[in-house]
Amino acid sequence: MTLTPKQIGRAAGRIFQSSIPINWAYRCQEDQEDYGVDAEIEIIGDDEKATGFIFKAQIKGQENVSIINGGDIASFSLSTERLNYYMNQLDVPIILVVVDVTTKSLLV
């Protein structure tokens, strides 16, 4: 069964959220105006207090992700405009995560 782009996006978000460490507070941003940021993550300390270390996550879901460079790199498209936004306009760190919705695996 082939999934629609919206189904792939929903599946990727759910896989990502269920795969992250327990000390990462996940704040979905998909229902807000989406400018290429799907989630905000804050690291929670061992004392269960917020550390203030916050970063963003852009989640790219794909079926059957192509792995290249001897198995080290996930292949996916990202426009130079979007990459420029991530690297030069955001004031917080961002991670780009490719989620293979077929194998339910994360590639960061």
N, C-alpha and C. Protein backbone atom coordinates (compact mmCIF):
# COMPACT_ATOMS: atom_id res chain seq x y z
N MET A 1 0.84 -1.18 0.00
CA MET A 1 0.00 0.00 0.00
C MET A 1 0.88 1.24 0.00
N THR A 2 0.62 2.15 -0.91
CA THR A 2 1.34 3.41 -0.99
C THR A 2 0.63 4.44 -0.13
N LEU A 3 1.41 5.14 0.68
CA LEU A 3 0.85 6.16 1.56
C LEU A 3 0.83 7.52 0.87
N THR A 4 -0.11 8.36 1.26
CA THR A 4 -0.15 9.73 0.75
C THR A 4 0.92 10.54 1.49
N PRO A 5 1.32 11.70 0.94
CA PRO A 5 2.29 12.54 1.65
C PRO A 5 1.85 12.92 3.07
N LYS A 6 0.58 13.20 3.26
CA LYS A 6 0.10 13.54 4.61
C LYS A 6 0.21 12.35 5.56
N GLN A 7 -0.11 11.15 5.07
CA GLN A 7 0.03 9.95 5.89
C GLN A 7 1.49 9.69 6.25
N ILE A 8 2.38 9.89 5.29
CA ILE A 8 3.81 9.73 5.55
C ILE A 8 4.27 10.72 6.61
N GLY A 9 3.83 11.97 6.51
CA GLY A 9 4.19 13.00 7.49
C GLY A 9 3.70 12.66 8.89
N ARG A 10 2.45 12.21 8.99
CA ARG A 10 1.91 11.83 10.30
C ARG A 10 2.67 10.64 10.88
N ALA A 11 2.91 9.64 10.05
CA ALA A 11 3.64 8.46 10.52
C ALA A 11 5.04 8.83 10.97
N ALA A 12 5.73 9.67 10.21
CA ALA A 12 7.09 10.07 10.55
C ALA A 12 7.12 10.80 11.89
N GLY A 13 6.17 11.70 12.12
CA GLY A 13 6.10 12.42 13.38
C GLY A 13 5.89 11.50 14.56
N ARG A 14 5.02 10.52 14.39
CA ARG A 14 4.74 9.56 15.47
C ARG A 14 5.94 8.66 15.75
N ILE A 15 6.61 8.23 14.68
CA ILE A 15 7.80 7.39 14.85
C ILE A 15 8.90 8.17 15.56
N PHE A 16 9.11 9.42 15.14
CA PHE A 16 10.14 10.25 15.77
C PHE A 16 9.83 10.43 17.25
N GLN A 17 8.62 10.84 17.57
CA GLN A 17 8.26 11.11 18.96
C GLN A 17 8.41 9.87 19.83
N SER A 18 8.07 8.70 19.30
CA SER A 18 8.18 7.48 20.11
C SER A 18 9.62 6.97 20.23
N SER A 19 10.53 7.53 19.43
CA SER A 19 11.90 7.05 19.40
C SER A 19 12.90 7.91 20.18
N ILE A 20 12.49 9.10 20.58
CA ILE A 20 13.43 10.01 21.23
C ILE A 20 13.62 9.63 22.70
N PRO A 21 14.74 10.07 23.28
CA PRO A 21 15.00 9.75 24.69
C PRO A 21 13.91 10.30 25.62
N ILE A 22 13.72 9.64 26.73
CA ILE A 22 12.68 10.01 27.70
C ILE A 22 12.94 11.38 28.32
N ASN A 23 14.20 11.82 28.32
CA ASN A 23 14.51 13.13 28.90
C ASN A 23 14.46 14.25 27.87
N TRP A 24 13.83 14.01 26.74
CA TRP A 24 13.57 15.06 25.76
C TRP A 24 12.09 15.43 25.85
N ALA A 25 11.80 16.67 26.22
CA ALA A 25 10.42 17.16 26.22
C ALA A 25 10.07 17.55 24.78
N TYR A 26 9.08 16.89 24.23
CA TYR A 26 8.68 17.07 22.83
C TYR A 26 7.51 18.04 22.76
N ARG A 27 7.66 19.08 21.96
CA ARG A 27 6.58 20.05 21.74
C ARG A 27 6.31 20.13 20.24
N CYS A 28 5.21 19.56 19.85
CA CYS A 28 4.84 19.54 18.43
C CYS A 28 4.57 20.96 17.95
N GLN A 29 5.05 21.29 16.77
CA GLN A 29 4.79 22.59 16.18
C GLN A 29 4.11 22.46 14.82
N GLU A 30 3.63 21.27 14.52
CA GLU A 30 3.00 21.03 13.23
C GLU A 30 1.68 21.76 13.07
N ASP A 31 0.98 22.03 14.15
CA ASP A 31 -0.31 22.71 14.04
C ASP A 31 -0.15 24.22 14.01
N GLN A 32 1.06 24.71 14.15
CA GLN A 32 1.33 26.14 14.06
C GLN A 32 1.71 26.45 12.62
N GLU A 33 1.90 27.73 12.32
CA GLU A 33 2.33 28.08 10.97
C GLU A 33 3.66 27.40 10.70
N ASP A 34 3.68 26.51 9.74
CA ASP A 34 4.84 25.67 9.48
C ASP A 34 5.80 26.35 8.51
N TYR A 35 6.95 26.69 9.01
CA TYR A 35 8.01 27.24 8.17
C TYR A 35 9.18 26.26 8.14
N GLY A 36 8.88 24.97 8.17
CA GLY A 36 9.92 23.97 8.08
C GLY A 36 10.43 23.50 9.42
N VAL A 37 9.66 23.74 10.48
CA VAL A 37 10.03 23.25 11.81
C VAL A 37 8.84 22.46 12.34
N ASP A 38 9.08 21.19 12.64
CA ASP A 38 7.99 20.32 13.07
C ASP A 38 7.86 20.18 14.58
N ALA A 39 8.97 20.38 15.29
CA ALA A 39 8.94 20.17 16.74
C ALA A 39 10.00 21.01 17.43
N GLU A 40 9.73 21.26 18.69
CA GLU A 40 10.71 21.88 19.58
C GLU A 40 11.01 20.86 20.66
N ILE A 41 12.28 20.72 20.98
CA ILE A 41 12.72 19.75 21.99
C ILE A 41 13.46 20.51 23.08
N GLU A 42 13.18 20.18 24.33
CA GLU A 42 13.95 20.71 25.45
C GLU A 42 14.47 19.53 26.25
N ILE A 43 15.75 19.59 26.58
CA ILE A 43 16.37 18.54 27.36
C ILE A 43 15.98 18.73 28.83
N ILE A 44 15.55 17.66 29.46
CA ILE A 44 15.16 17.66 30.87
C ILE A 44 16.28 16.99 31.67
N GLY A 45 16.69 17.61 32.77
CA GLY A 45 17.77 17.07 33.59
C GLY A 45 17.35 15.87 34.42
N ASP A 46 18.35 15.24 35.02
CA ASP A 46 18.08 14.07 35.87
C ASP A 46 17.18 14.41 37.05
N ASP A 47 17.18 15.69 37.45
CA ASP A 47 16.34 16.14 38.56
C ASP A 47 14.93 16.51 38.11
N GLU A 48 14.61 16.18 36.85
CA GLU A 48 13.30 16.46 36.25
C GLU A 48 13.03 17.95 36.10
N LYS A 49 14.08 18.75 36.03
CA LYS A 49 13.94 20.19 35.78
C LYS A 49 14.39 20.50 34.36
N ALA A 50 13.71 21.45 33.74
CA ALA A 50 14.08 21.87 32.40
C ALA A 50 15.47 22.49 32.43
N THR A 51 16.29 22.15 31.45
CA THR A 51 17.66 22.67 31.41
C THR A 51 17.76 23.99 30.65
N GLY A 52 16.76 24.31 29.86
CA GLY A 52 16.84 25.50 29.02
C GLY A 52 17.54 25.24 27.70
N PHE A 53 18.08 24.03 27.52
CA PHE A 53 18.69 23.68 26.24
C PHE A 53 17.58 23.25 25.30
N ILE A 54 17.31 24.09 24.31
CA ILE A 54 16.20 23.89 23.39
C ILE A 54 16.74 23.84 21.96
N PHE A 55 16.19 22.92 21.19
CA PHE A 55 16.50 22.89 19.76
C PHE A 55 15.25 22.51 18.99
N LYS A 56 15.28 22.73 17.71
CA LYS A 56 14.15 22.45 16.83
C LYS A 56 14.44 21.17 16.04
N ALA A 57 13.38 20.57 15.51
CA ALA A 57 13.52 19.38 14.69
C ALA A 57 12.67 19.52 13.43
N GLN A 58 13.26 19.23 12.31
CA GLN A 58 12.54 19.12 11.04
C GLN A 58 12.52 17.64 10.68
N ILE A 59 11.34 17.08 10.56
CA ILE A 59 11.17 15.65 10.35
C ILE A 59 10.75 15.42 8.90
N LYS A 60 11.55 14.65 8.18
CA LYS A 60 11.26 14.32 6.79
C LYS A 60 10.93 12.84 6.70
N GLY A 61 9.69 12.52 6.45
CA GLY A 61 9.28 11.14 6.30
C GLY A 61 9.37 10.68 4.86
N GLN A 62 9.84 9.46 4.68
CA GLN A 62 9.92 8.86 3.35
C GLN A 62 9.66 7.36 3.46
N GLU A 63 9.14 6.80 2.39
CA GLU A 63 9.05 5.34 2.29
C GLU A 63 10.35 4.85 1.67
N ASN A 64 10.91 3.78 2.21
CA ASN A 64 12.10 3.15 1.65
C ASN A 64 13.22 4.15 1.36
N VAL A 65 13.76 4.75 2.40
CA VAL A 65 14.82 5.75 2.28
C VAL A 65 16.05 5.14 1.62
N SER A 66 16.64 5.88 0.70
CA SER A 66 17.88 5.45 0.05
C SER A 66 19.05 5.80 0.96
N ILE A 67 19.89 4.80 1.23
CA ILE A 67 21.09 5.00 2.03
C ILE A 67 22.28 5.00 1.08
N ILE A 68 23.11 6.03 1.18
CA ILE A 68 24.25 6.17 0.27
C ILE A 68 25.54 6.29 1.06
N ASN A 69 26.63 6.42 0.35
CA ASN A 69 27.96 6.61 0.95
C ASN A 69 28.33 5.46 1.88
N GLY A 70 28.13 4.25 1.43
CA GLY A 70 28.49 3.09 2.22
C GLY A 70 27.63 2.88 3.45
N GLY A 71 26.41 3.42 3.42
CA GLY A 71 25.49 3.22 4.54
C GLY A 71 25.54 4.29 5.60
N ASP A 72 26.25 5.39 5.32
CA ASP A 72 26.41 6.45 6.31
C ASP A 72 25.44 7.62 6.17
N ILE A 73 24.83 7.77 5.00
CA ILE A 73 24.04 8.97 4.73
C ILE A 73 22.68 8.58 4.13
N ALA A 74 21.64 9.23 4.64
CA ALA A 74 20.30 9.07 4.06
C ALA A 74 20.15 10.11 2.96
N SER A 75 19.63 9.70 1.83
CA SER A 75 19.45 10.59 0.70
C SER A 75 18.04 11.18 0.71
N PHE A 76 17.96 12.51 0.70
CA PHE A 76 16.67 13.17 0.55
C PHE A 76 16.91 14.57 0.02
N SER A 77 15.89 15.17 -0.55
CA SER A 77 16.02 16.50 -1.17
C SER A 77 15.71 17.60 -0.17
N LEU A 78 16.49 18.65 -0.26
CA LEU A 78 16.28 19.85 0.56
C LEU A 78 16.73 21.03 -0.27
N SER A 79 15.86 22.00 -0.46
CA SER A 79 16.21 23.14 -1.30
C SER A 79 17.30 23.99 -0.62
N THR A 80 18.08 24.68 -1.43
CA THR A 80 19.11 25.55 -0.86
C THR A 80 18.48 26.70 -0.07
N GLU A 81 17.30 27.14 -0.49
CA GLU A 81 16.58 28.19 0.25
C GLU A 81 16.23 27.71 1.66
N ARG A 82 15.74 26.47 1.76
CA ARG A 82 15.37 25.91 3.07
C ARG A 82 16.62 25.70 3.93
N LEU A 83 17.68 25.19 3.32
CA LEU A 83 18.94 24.98 4.04
C LEU A 83 19.49 26.31 4.55
N ASN A 84 19.42 27.35 3.74
CA ASN A 84 19.86 28.68 4.15
C ASN A 84 19.05 29.17 5.35
N TYR A 85 17.74 28.94 5.32
CA TYR A 85 16.88 29.32 6.44
C TYR A 85 17.33 28.63 7.72
N TYR A 86 17.56 27.32 7.64
CA TYR A 86 17.98 26.56 8.82
C TYR A 86 19.33 27.04 9.35
N MET A 87 20.26 27.29 8.45
CA MET A 87 21.62 27.61 8.87
C MET A 87 21.84 29.07 9.24
N ASN A 88 21.09 29.98 8.61
CA ASN A 88 21.40 31.40 8.78
C ASN A 88 20.30 32.25 9.40
N GLN A 89 19.09 31.73 9.50
CA GLN A 89 18.00 32.55 10.01
C GLN A 89 17.44 32.09 11.34
N LEU A 90 17.57 30.83 11.65
CA LEU A 90 17.08 30.35 12.94
C LEU A 90 18.08 30.72 14.04
N ASP A 91 17.57 31.13 15.18
CA ASP A 91 18.43 31.49 16.31
C ASP A 91 18.68 30.33 17.26
N VAL A 92 18.10 29.18 16.97
CA VAL A 92 18.30 28.00 17.81
C VAL A 92 18.80 26.85 16.93
N PRO A 93 19.49 25.89 17.53
CA PRO A 93 19.95 24.74 16.74
C PRO A 93 18.76 23.95 16.19
N ILE A 94 19.00 23.30 15.06
CA ILE A 94 17.97 22.46 14.46
C ILE A 94 18.61 21.15 14.01
N ILE A 95 17.86 20.06 14.18
CA ILE A 95 18.30 18.78 13.64
C ILE A 95 17.35 18.41 12.50
N LEU A 96 17.92 17.83 11.47
CA LEU A 96 17.13 17.32 10.36
C LEU A 96 17.07 15.81 10.51
N VAL A 97 15.88 15.27 10.55
CA VAL A 97 15.69 13.85 10.79
C VAL A 97 14.93 13.25 9.62
N VAL A 98 15.51 12.22 9.01
CA VAL A 98 14.81 11.47 7.98
C VAL A 98 14.25 10.22 8.66
N VAL A 99 12.96 10.02 8.50
CA VAL A 99 12.30 8.86 9.08
C VAL A 99 11.85 7.95 7.95
N ASP A 100 12.33 6.72 7.97
CA ASP A 100 11.88 5.72 7.02
C ASP A 100 10.61 5.09 7.61
N VAL A 101 9.47 5.46 7.04
CA VAL A 101 8.19 4.97 7.61
C VAL A 101 7.97 3.49 7.29
N THR A 102 8.73 2.94 6.35
CA THR A 102 8.61 1.51 6.02
C THR A 102 9.28 0.66 7.10
N THR A 103 10.51 1.06 7.47
CA THR A 103 11.26 0.30 8.48
C THR A 103 11.13 0.88 9.89
N LYS A 104 10.47 2.04 9.98
CA LYS A 104 10.29 2.76 11.24
C LYS A 104 11.62 3.09 11.90
N SER A 105 12.56 3.56 11.09
CA SER A 105 13.88 3.91 11.62
C SER A 105 14.18 5.39 11.37
N LEU A 106 14.99 5.96 12.28
CA LEU A 106 15.40 7.36 12.21
C LEU A 106 16.81 7.45 11.67
N LEU A 107 17.04 8.47 10.85
CA LEU A 107 18.36 8.75 10.32
C LEU A 107 18.61 10.23 10.56
N VAL A 108 19.54 10.54 11.46
CA VAL A 108 19.78 11.94 11.85
C VAL A 108 21.07 12.41 11.23
